[in-house]
Amino acid sequence: MSKIIDIIIPALGDFDSIEVIEIINKKGNQVKKEEGLITLETDKASMDVPSPEDGIIESISINVGDFVKQGDCIGTLKVNGSEVKTSSEKIKTAEKKIETKNEIPIPSKKVNQSPTNRNELESSTLNGLPKIDEDSFSKAHASPSIRKFARELGVNLIEVKGTGYKSRILKDDIKAFVKSILSGFSKSSVGLPKIPSLDYAKYGEVSNQSLTKIQKISGQRLQASWINLPHVTQHDLADITEMEADRLKIKKLKQYRDIKISPLAYVIKACCFVLKDFERINSSLSEDGNSIILKSYINIGFAADTENGLVVPVIKDADKKSLIEIAEELLSLSLKARAGKLSSDEMSGATFTISSLGGIGGTAFTPIINAPEVAILGLSRSTTQPVWNGSKFEPKLMLPLSFSYDHRVIDGAYAVRFTTALCDALKKARNLSKKA
């Protein structure tokens, strides 16, 4: 004959009350004796409250976020009459079985899975899942029962994204992680070593600042590009003495006084001129990696610094526009970027990107390619340097160029020919502003 018994909170040590952070089993669930029912947490430890007997949960009367204390009834359990114990026996049993956050459960030798599923999981552990990092494993936000479950499957908890209360890792999160491994969805991340997790606060005062949405998105794209593309960066110096003189001359003209003509406008115009002779740089590698997609149009993206992070507006058909038209569009798109009003169309379709840090400083850097593009040009601060003309040194305004390229599409010889041609185009600035 079945009976209904109360589920009582056992002694909680030195704590008067503890917050409920997870409901492990809900009404109607079949549970085994000593199986976790709920998880409690203090600022120092977490603990599972186990089932006093085998049975079916009749009710759970608390919710996540509630606080409980010793002796509280949190629900009822339907059990076989012959297995029912006294209340004092139940409490003593439960007290012995409470697990703390700092305790490491002993891995079970058997996984409660069917033979087929067990073989699949064992195979994933050997061939897909990374080895458990004990240091990071101990710091994962999960209850003791979840830690035990993770160990049984060979899952490193630091790899699992928690969806529970306060981002706590649940059993379903572990199952989903293993499933993604078996399905091949996480192969790109498997095998990559993780940066060790440290308690920075023990060395001094710290604060936490969330990344902006733009930073999160761009960070993922840049990481993917860095991992998948074989980057090579070449550095060069362009003589822009004449270019700067020409720029200042145009700025003084009455019809252009309201237009901000920056050095970047000249560089964009020069790139458009040179890219027509170096079509591989204005291309993309096909998805299968067996061919190059050459583009007859030239759309130039430029990195714009905003309060929320870098964005890349795009000047469409830049090769068909004059220097002044490029300068006007540069200004317009930059203002939109800072105001956060760029449309998706204004940030898409680039065939080549320029990242200019010259207004800030620096001598050289290694820009990351904005994939699926195959190259990117970086600009640093120009400086006046002595240049030998064959008989004497002359002061010349030199612009540092940092050209990163995908070595699968562009080799070193092709890259240096491009930067040499670009330097020559910038040196002959009058050709760039003829139709200004």
Protein backbone atom coordinates (compact mmCIF):
# COMPACT_ATOMS: atom_id res chain seq x y z
CA MET A 1 0.00 0.00 0.00
CA SER A 2 1.35 3.41 -0.96
CA LYS A 3 1.66 6.25 1.52
CA ILE A 4 2.32 9.95 1.30
CA ILE A 5 5.24 11.29 3.33
CA ASP A 6 6.58 14.79 3.84
CA ILE A 7 9.88 15.92 2.38
CA ILE A 8 11.68 17.69 5.24
CA ILE A 9 14.71 19.98 5.09
CA PRO A 10 17.48 18.47 7.24
CA ALA A 11 19.98 20.39 9.39
CA LEU A 12 21.74 23.18 7.49
CA GLY A 13 24.77 23.63 9.70
CA ASP A 14 25.41 27.23 10.78
CA PHE A 15 22.79 28.73 8.46
CA ASP A 16 19.32 29.82 9.57
CA SER A 17 17.96 29.82 6.00
CA ILE A 18 19.31 29.07 2.53
CA GLU A 19 18.12 30.14 -0.91
CA VAL A 20 16.65 27.61 -3.33
CA ILE A 21 18.53 27.90 -6.62
CA GLU A 22 17.28 24.85 -8.52
CA ILE A 23 14.35 22.44 -8.56
CA ILE A 24 16.00 19.23 -9.74
CA ASN A 25 12.89 17.03 -9.78
CA LYS A 26 9.30 18.21 -10.22
CA LYS A 27 5.82 16.89 -9.47
CA GLY A 28 5.20 13.51 -11.07
CA ASN A 29 8.89 12.57 -11.40
CA GLN A 30 9.95 9.06 -10.31
CA VAL A 31 12.91 9.39 -7.97
CA LYS A 32 15.29 7.01 -6.26
CA LYS A 33 16.30 7.16 -2.63
CA GLU A 34 19.03 9.76 -2.07
CA GLU A 35 18.47 11.33 -5.52
CA GLY A 36 18.64 15.14 -5.44
CA LEU A 37 15.30 16.96 -5.24
CA ILE A 38 16.33 20.61 -4.88
CA THR A 39 19.59 22.54 -4.67
CA LEU A 40 20.33 25.14 -1.99
CA GLU A 41 23.14 27.68 -2.06
CA THR A 42 24.89 30.07 0.31
CA ASP A 43 27.75 32.42 -0.50
CA LYS A 44 30.15 29.63 0.45
CA ALA A 45 28.57 26.35 -0.60
CA SER A 46 25.79 24.59 -2.47
CA MET A 47 23.99 21.44 -1.43
CA ASP A 48 21.42 19.01 -2.75
CA VAL A 49 18.50 17.90 -0.61
CA PRO A 50 18.06 14.18 -1.37
CA SER A 51 14.91 12.11 -1.58
CA PRO A 52 14.30 10.14 1.66
CA GLU A 53 12.87 7.13 -0.23
CA ASP A 54 12.10 5.68 -3.64
CA GLY A 55 8.83 7.06 -4.90
CA ILE A 56 6.89 9.55 -6.98
CA ILE A 57 6.88 13.26 -6.18
CA GLU A 58 3.33 14.25 -5.24
CA SER A 59 4.07 17.95 -4.77
CA ILE A 60 6.81 20.57 -4.49
CA SER A 61 5.67 23.58 -2.48
CA ILE A 62 8.69 25.89 -2.99
CA ASN A 63 10.10 27.82 -5.96
CA VAL A 64 13.52 28.97 -7.13
CA GLY A 65 14.45 32.05 -5.14
CA ASP A 66 12.62 30.98 -1.97
CA PHE A 67 14.47 30.58 1.34
CA VAL A 68 14.12 27.47 3.48
CA LYS A 69 15.34 26.37 6.93
CA GLN A 70 15.77 23.17 8.88
CA GLY A 71 12.49 21.35 9.45
CA ASP A 72 10.59 23.03 6.59
CA CYS A 73 8.32 20.79 4.54
CA ILE A 74 9.05 21.40 0.86
CA GLY A 75 6.68 18.83 -0.64
CA THR A 76 5.33 15.32 -0.47
CA LEU A 77 6.43 11.93 -1.78
CA LYS A 78 4.31 8.86 -2.58
CA VAL A 79 6.16 5.72 -1.44
CA ASN A 80 5.46 2.06 -0.85
CA GLY A 81 4.11 1.57 2.68
CA SER A 82 6.72 -1.05 3.60
CA GLU A 83 9.55 1.36 2.84
CA VAL A 84 8.31 4.31 4.91
CA LYS A 85 10.64 5.44 7.71
CA THR A 86 9.99 7.68 10.68
CA SER A 87 10.54 11.42 10.36
CA SER A 88 13.65 11.31 12.53
CA GLU A 89 15.15 8.53 10.42
CA LYS A 90 14.43 10.46 7.23
CA ILE A 91 16.12 13.60 8.50
CA LYS A 92 19.19 11.69 9.69
CA THR A 93 19.50 10.00 6.30
CA ALA A 94 19.15 13.29 4.44
CA GLU A 95 21.71 15.05 6.62
CA LYS A 96 24.30 12.41 5.80
CA LYS A 97 23.73 12.80 2.08
CA ILE A 98 23.95 16.59 1.69
CA GLU A 99 26.77 17.47 -0.69
CA THR A 100 28.65 20.75 -0.59
CA LYS A 101 30.10 22.68 -3.48
CA ASN A 102 33.65 21.92 -2.42
CA GLU A 103 33.17 18.18 -2.32
CA ILE A 104 34.17 16.25 -5.44
CA PRO A 105 31.73 13.41 -6.22
CA ILE A 106 33.26 10.03 -7.02
CA PRO A 107 32.65 9.24 -10.69
CA SER A 108 30.29 6.36 -11.23
CA LYS A 109 31.57 3.41 -13.20
CA LYS A 110 28.20 2.93 -14.84
CA VAL A 111 26.20 5.44 -16.83
CA ASN A 112 22.45 5.07 -16.71
CA GLN A 113 22.06 4.88 -20.45
CA SER A 114 21.05 2.28 -22.98
CA PRO A 115 23.95 0.30 -24.54
CA THR A 116 23.70 2.30 -27.76
CA ASN A 117 23.65 5.68 -26.07
CA ARG A 118 26.42 4.66 -23.68
CA ASN A 119 28.67 3.66 -26.57
CA GLU A 120 27.95 6.96 -28.29
CA LEU A 121 28.78 8.92 -25.17
CA GLU A 122 31.98 6.97 -24.53
CA SER A 123 33.02 7.57 -28.12
CA SER A 124 32.34 11.29 -27.80
CA THR A 125 34.40 11.43 -24.62
CA LEU A 126 37.37 9.80 -26.32
CA ASN A 127 37.16 11.54 -29.68
CA GLY A 128 35.28 14.80 -29.20
CA LEU A 129 35.16 16.06 -25.65
CA PRO A 130 38.24 17.73 -24.18
CA LYS A 131 39.88 16.31 -21.06
CA ILE A 132 38.35 17.62 -17.84
CA ASP A 133 40.26 20.57 -16.40
CA GLU A 134 39.92 20.05 -12.66
CA ASP A 135 40.64 23.68 -11.76
CA SER A 136 37.98 25.14 -14.04
CA PHE A 137 35.59 22.22 -13.34
CA SER A 138 35.55 23.09 -9.64
CA LYS A 139 34.62 26.71 -10.41
CA ALA A 140 31.70 25.94 -12.72
CA HIS A 141 28.30 27.18 -11.54
CA ALA A 142 26.61 23.84 -10.94
CA SER A 143 25.19 21.75 -8.10
CA PRO A 144 26.93 18.62 -6.75
CA SER A 145 24.49 16.32 -8.52
CA ILE A 146 25.14 18.08 -11.82
CA ARG A 147 28.89 17.83 -11.27
CA LYS A 148 28.52 14.11 -10.70
CA PHE A 149 26.43 13.74 -13.86
CA ALA A 150 29.00 15.68 -15.86
CA ARG A 151 31.82 13.48 -14.61
CA GLU A 152 29.91 10.34 -15.56
CA LEU A 153 29.69 11.62 -19.14
CA GLY A 154 33.22 13.03 -19.22
CA VAL A 155 31.98 16.58 -19.78
CA ASN A 156 34.11 19.53 -18.74
CA LEU A 157 31.58 21.90 -17.17
CA ILE A 158 33.55 24.99 -18.13
CA GLU A 159 32.56 24.24 -21.75
CA VAL A 160 28.83 24.19 -20.97
CA LYS A 161 26.59 27.27 -21.08
CA GLY A 162 24.14 27.32 -18.17
CA THR A 163 20.49 28.24 -18.74
CA GLY A 164 19.26 27.89 -15.17
CA TYR A 165 18.74 30.42 -12.40
CA LYS A 166 21.67 32.89 -12.39
CA SER A 167 23.15 31.00 -15.41
CA ARG A 168 23.44 27.80 -13.40
CA ILE A 169 24.24 24.65 -15.39
CA LEU A 170 21.33 22.19 -15.52
CA LYS A 171 21.18 18.54 -16.54
CA ASP A 172 19.48 19.51 -19.81
CA ASP A 173 22.40 21.86 -20.56
CA ILE A 174 24.86 18.96 -20.28
CA LYS A 175 22.67 16.74 -22.45
CA ALA A 176 22.43 19.48 -25.09
CA PHE A 177 26.21 19.95 -25.01
CA VAL A 178 26.90 16.25 -25.52
CA LYS A 179 24.30 16.13 -28.31
CA SER A 180 25.98 19.04 -30.08
CA ILE A 181 29.33 17.24 -29.87
CA LEU A 182 27.84 14.05 -31.29
CA SER A 183 26.18 16.07 -34.06
CA GLY A 184 29.42 17.79 -34.97
CA PHE A 185 28.15 21.30 -34.21
CA SER A 186 30.93 22.07 -31.74
CA LYS A 187 33.86 20.64 -33.68
CA SER A 188 35.27 24.09 -34.35
CA SER A 189 35.77 24.73 -30.65
CA VAL A 190 36.76 21.22 -29.56
CA GLY A 191 40.46 20.78 -28.98
CA LEU A 192 41.23 24.48 -28.58
CA PRO A 193 42.82 25.08 -25.20
CA LYS A 194 40.86 27.33 -22.89
CA ILE A 195 42.37 30.30 -21.10
CA PRO A 196 42.64 29.39 -17.40
CA SER A 197 40.02 30.93 -15.13
CA LEU A 198 41.53 33.01 -12.33
CA ASP A 199 40.21 34.69 -9.21
CA TYR A 200 41.46 38.20 -10.03
CA ALA A 201 39.97 39.67 -6.87
CA LYS A 202 42.52 37.96 -4.66
CA TYR A 203 45.23 40.20 -6.13
CA GLY A 204 43.35 43.45 -5.66
CA GLU A 205 40.16 45.36 -6.33
CA VAL A 206 38.37 44.55 -9.59
CA SER A 207 35.20 45.60 -11.40
CA ASN A 208 33.17 43.96 -14.15
CA GLN A 209 32.15 45.74 -17.36
CA SER A 210 29.93 44.02 -19.90
CA LEU A 211 30.92 43.99 -23.56
CA THR A 212 28.68 45.92 -25.93
CA LYS A 213 26.60 44.09 -28.50
CA ILE A 214 28.90 45.37 -31.25
CA GLN A 215 32.00 44.13 -29.39
CA LYS A 216 30.47 40.68 -28.91
CA ILE A 217 29.54 40.33 -32.58
CA SER A 218 32.79 41.73 -33.97
CA GLY A 219 34.82 39.67 -31.49
CA GLN A 220 33.28 36.43 -32.74
CA ARG A 221 33.85 37.39 -36.37
CA LEU A 222 37.46 38.41 -35.76
CA GLN A 223 38.20 35.22 -33.83
CA ALA A 224 36.73 33.11 -36.63
CA SER A 225 38.81 35.00 -39.20
CA TRP A 226 42.02 34.68 -37.17
CA ILE A 227 41.54 30.94 -36.65
CA ASN A 228 40.49 30.05 -40.20
CA LEU A 229 42.63 32.36 -42.36
CA PRO A 230 46.43 32.07 -42.64
CA HIS A 231 47.28 35.72 -41.98
CA VAL A 232 50.47 37.36 -43.23
CA THR A 233 51.16 41.05 -42.60
CA GLN A 234 53.54 43.13 -44.68
CA HIS A 235 54.70 46.64 -43.76
CA ASP A 236 55.69 49.47 -46.08
CA LEU A 237 56.14 53.26 -46.12
CA ALA A 238 54.38 55.55 -48.56
CA ASP A 239 55.67 59.03 -49.42
CA ILE A 240 52.60 61.28 -49.03
CA THR A 241 54.41 64.62 -49.09
CA GLU A 242 52.78 65.64 -52.37
CA MET A 243 49.46 64.15 -51.29
CA GLU A 244 49.35 66.26 -48.14
CA ALA A 245 50.25 69.40 -50.08
CA ASP A 246 47.51 68.64 -52.60
CA ARG A 247 45.00 67.97 -49.81
CA LEU A 248 45.70 71.30 -48.10
CA LYS A 249 45.45 73.09 -51.45
CA ILE A 250 42.00 71.62 -52.17
CA LYS A 251 40.80 72.46 -48.65
CA LYS A 252 41.50 76.14 -49.31
CA LEU A 253 39.29 76.20 -52.39
CA LYS A 254 36.04 78.01 -51.69
CA GLN A 255 33.78 75.30 -53.10
CA TYR A 256 35.27 72.66 -50.79
CA ARG A 257 35.48 74.61 -47.52
CA ASP A 258 32.53 72.74 -45.99
CA ILE A 259 33.95 69.33 -46.90
CA LYS A 260 36.38 67.47 -44.66
CA ILE A 261 38.98 66.01 -46.99
CA SER A 262 40.99 63.56 -44.91
CA PRO A 263 44.09 61.58 -45.90
CA LEU A 264 41.87 58.47 -45.76
CA ALA A 265 39.87 59.77 -48.73
CA TYR A 266 43.08 59.86 -50.78
CA VAL A 267 44.04 56.33 -49.66
CA ILE A 268 40.60 54.99 -50.63
CA LYS A 269 40.87 56.63 -54.05
CA ALA A 270 44.39 55.22 -54.51
CA CYS A 271 43.25 51.71 -53.49
CA CYS A 272 40.43 51.83 -56.04
CA PHE A 273 42.96 52.80 -58.72
CA VAL A 274 45.41 49.99 -57.83
CA LEU A 275 42.86 47.23 -57.10
CA LYS A 276 41.85 47.20 -60.76
CA ASP A 277 45.31 45.82 -61.56
CA PHE A 278 45.37 43.46 -58.55
CA GLU A 279 42.02 41.70 -58.86
CA ARG A 280 42.97 38.85 -56.51
CA ILE A 281 42.99 41.31 -53.61
CA ASN A 282 39.42 42.28 -54.53
CA SER A 283 38.19 38.69 -54.39
CA SER A 284 36.93 36.00 -52.00
CA LEU A 285 37.79 32.34 -51.70
CA SER A 286 34.96 29.97 -52.58
CA GLU A 287 33.35 28.01 -49.74
CA ASP A 288 34.96 24.74 -50.87
CA GLY A 289 38.34 26.46 -51.18
CA ASN A 290 38.83 25.35 -54.76
CA SER A 291 38.34 28.64 -56.60
CA ILE A 292 38.59 32.43 -56.28
CA ILE A 293 35.51 34.63 -56.74
CA LEU A 294 36.69 37.75 -58.60
CA LYS A 295 34.52 40.86 -58.20
CA SER A 296 34.13 43.47 -60.92
CA TYR A 297 32.89 46.05 -58.40
CA ILE A 298 34.93 47.77 -55.68
CA ASN A 299 33.25 48.49 -52.34
CA ILE A 300 35.58 49.91 -49.71
CA GLY A 301 34.88 49.35 -46.02
CA PHE A 302 36.53 51.54 -43.42
CA ALA A 303 36.77 50.94 -39.66
CA ALA A 304 34.96 53.65 -37.68
CA ASP A 305 35.64 54.12 -33.98
CA THR A 306 32.48 54.59 -31.87
CA GLU A 307 31.64 54.55 -28.16
CA ASN A 308 30.21 51.04 -28.52
CA GLY A 309 33.13 49.63 -30.51
CA LEU A 310 34.40 49.45 -34.08
CA VAL A 311 31.95 49.28 -36.97
CA VAL A 312 32.73 49.08 -40.69
CA PRO A 313 30.64 51.33 -42.98
CA VAL A 314 30.98 50.62 -46.70
CA ILE A 315 31.41 53.04 -49.61
CA LYS A 316 29.70 51.28 -52.53
CA ASP A 317 31.20 51.56 -56.05
CA ALA A 318 34.03 53.66 -54.65
CA ASP A 319 35.99 53.31 -57.90
CA LYS A 320 33.26 55.24 -59.76
CA LYS A 321 33.36 58.21 -57.37
CA SER A 322 35.58 61.25 -57.32
CA LEU A 323 37.86 62.18 -54.43
CA ILE A 324 35.35 64.77 -53.21
CA GLU A 325 32.43 62.31 -53.43
CA ILE A 326 34.44 59.81 -51.39
CA ALA A 327 35.27 62.50 -48.82
CA GLU A 328 31.60 63.48 -48.51
CA GLU A 329 30.46 59.88 -48.07
CA LEU A 330 33.24 59.24 -45.54
CA LEU A 331 31.97 62.10 -43.41
CA SER A 332 28.32 61.12 -43.74
CA LEU A 333 28.87 57.46 -42.86
CA SER A 334 31.22 58.33 -39.97
CA LEU A 335 28.60 60.62 -38.40
CA LYS A 336 25.95 57.91 -38.76
CA ALA A 337 28.30 55.35 -37.19
CA ARG A 338 28.95 57.51 -34.12
CA ALA A 339 25.22 58.13 -33.74
CA GLY A 340 24.46 54.42 -34.07
CA LYS A 341 22.21 55.00 -37.09
CA LEU A 342 23.95 52.91 -39.74
CA SER A 343 21.68 50.54 -41.65
CA SER A 344 22.66 46.94 -42.32
CA ASP A 345 23.01 47.77 -46.02
CA GLU A 346 25.52 50.52 -45.17
CA MET A 347 27.68 47.95 -43.36
CA SER A 348 27.58 45.12 -45.90
CA GLY A 349 29.06 44.24 -49.28
CA ALA A 350 32.67 45.36 -48.73
CA THR A 351 35.30 43.86 -51.02
CA PHE A 352 38.30 45.47 -49.30
CA THR A 353 38.67 47.16 -45.90
CA ILE A 354 40.91 49.93 -44.57
CA SER A 355 41.60 50.44 -40.87
CA SER A 356 43.10 53.84 -40.14
CA LEU A 357 44.69 54.52 -36.75
CA GLY A 358 46.75 57.45 -37.97
CA GLY A 359 44.65 60.00 -36.12
CA ILE A 360 45.50 58.28 -32.84
CA GLY A 361 49.10 57.16 -33.29
CA GLY A 362 51.21 54.06 -33.73
CA THR A 363 53.90 53.02 -36.17
CA ALA A 364 52.58 49.64 -37.39
CA PHE A 365 50.09 46.91 -36.47
CA THR A 366 48.63 43.63 -37.77
CA PRO A 367 45.01 44.21 -38.85
CA ILE A 368 42.76 41.13 -38.91
CA ILE A 369 41.13 40.38 -42.26
CA ASN A 370 37.41 41.07 -42.43
CA ALA A 371 36.41 37.68 -43.87
CA PRO A 372 35.18 36.68 -46.45
CA GLU A 373 37.48 39.39 -47.81
CA VAL A 374 41.05 38.25 -48.40
CA ALA A 375 42.99 41.36 -47.41
CA ILE A 376 42.91 44.49 -45.26
CA LEU A 377 45.02 47.66 -45.21
CA GLY A 378 46.10 49.30 -41.95
CA LEU A 379 47.24 52.95 -41.70
CA SER A 380 49.32 54.36 -38.84
CA ARG A 381 50.43 57.89 -38.02
CA SER A 382 52.49 59.64 -40.71
CA THR A 383 55.82 61.22 -39.69
CA THR A 384 58.42 63.39 -41.39
CA GLN A 385 61.53 61.32 -42.13
CA PRO A 386 64.82 61.90 -43.99
CA VAL A 387 64.75 60.17 -47.39
CA TRP A 388 67.83 59.80 -49.62
CA ASN A 389 67.23 61.15 -53.13
CA GLY A 390 70.55 59.95 -54.56
CA SER A 391 72.60 62.94 -53.58
CA LYS A 392 71.18 64.14 -50.26
CA PHE A 393 68.54 63.53 -47.61
CA GLU A 394 65.21 65.28 -48.03
CA PRO A 395 62.41 65.59 -45.43
CA LYS A 396 59.45 63.53 -46.58
CA LEU A 397 56.07 62.84 -44.95
CA MET A 398 55.90 59.04 -44.74
CA LEU A 399 52.75 57.02 -44.10
CA PRO A 400 53.18 53.52 -42.53
CA LEU A 401 51.16 50.81 -44.30
CA SER A 402 50.28 47.46 -42.71
CA PHE A 403 48.87 45.07 -45.29
CA SER A 404 47.40 41.75 -44.01
CA TYR A 405 46.40 39.10 -46.54
CA ASP A 406 45.07 35.55 -46.79
CA HIS A 407 48.07 33.49 -47.89
CA ARG A 408 45.81 30.91 -49.55
CA VAL A 409 44.86 33.52 -52.17
CA ILE A 410 47.73 36.03 -52.10
CA ASP A 411 51.43 35.21 -51.90
CA GLY A 412 54.20 37.49 -50.69
CA ALA A 413 55.38 38.58 -54.13
CA TYR A 414 51.86 39.57 -55.20
CA ALA A 415 51.35 41.43 -51.91
CA VAL A 416 54.55 43.48 -52.15
CA ARG A 417 53.78 44.40 -55.76
CA PHE A 418 50.41 45.69 -54.56
CA THR A 419 51.85 47.82 -51.75
CA THR A 420 54.57 49.14 -54.08
CA ALA A 421 51.93 50.16 -56.63
CA LEU A 422 49.84 51.73 -53.85
CA CYS A 423 52.82 53.73 -52.59
CA ASP A 424 53.45 54.95 -56.15
CA ALA A 425 49.79 55.99 -56.54
CA LEU A 426 49.86 57.93 -53.26
CA LYS A 427 53.08 59.64 -54.28
CA LYS A 428 51.40 60.93 -57.45
CA ALA A 429 48.49 62.53 -55.61
CA ARG A 430 47.60 64.88 -58.44
CA ASN A 431 46.34 61.95 -60.46
CA LEU A 432 43.94 61.13 -57.62
CA SER A 433 42.44 64.61 -57.38
CA LYS A 434 42.22 65.49 -61.07
CA LYS A 435 38.45 65.14 -61.05
CA ALA A 436 37.97 66.49 -57.55
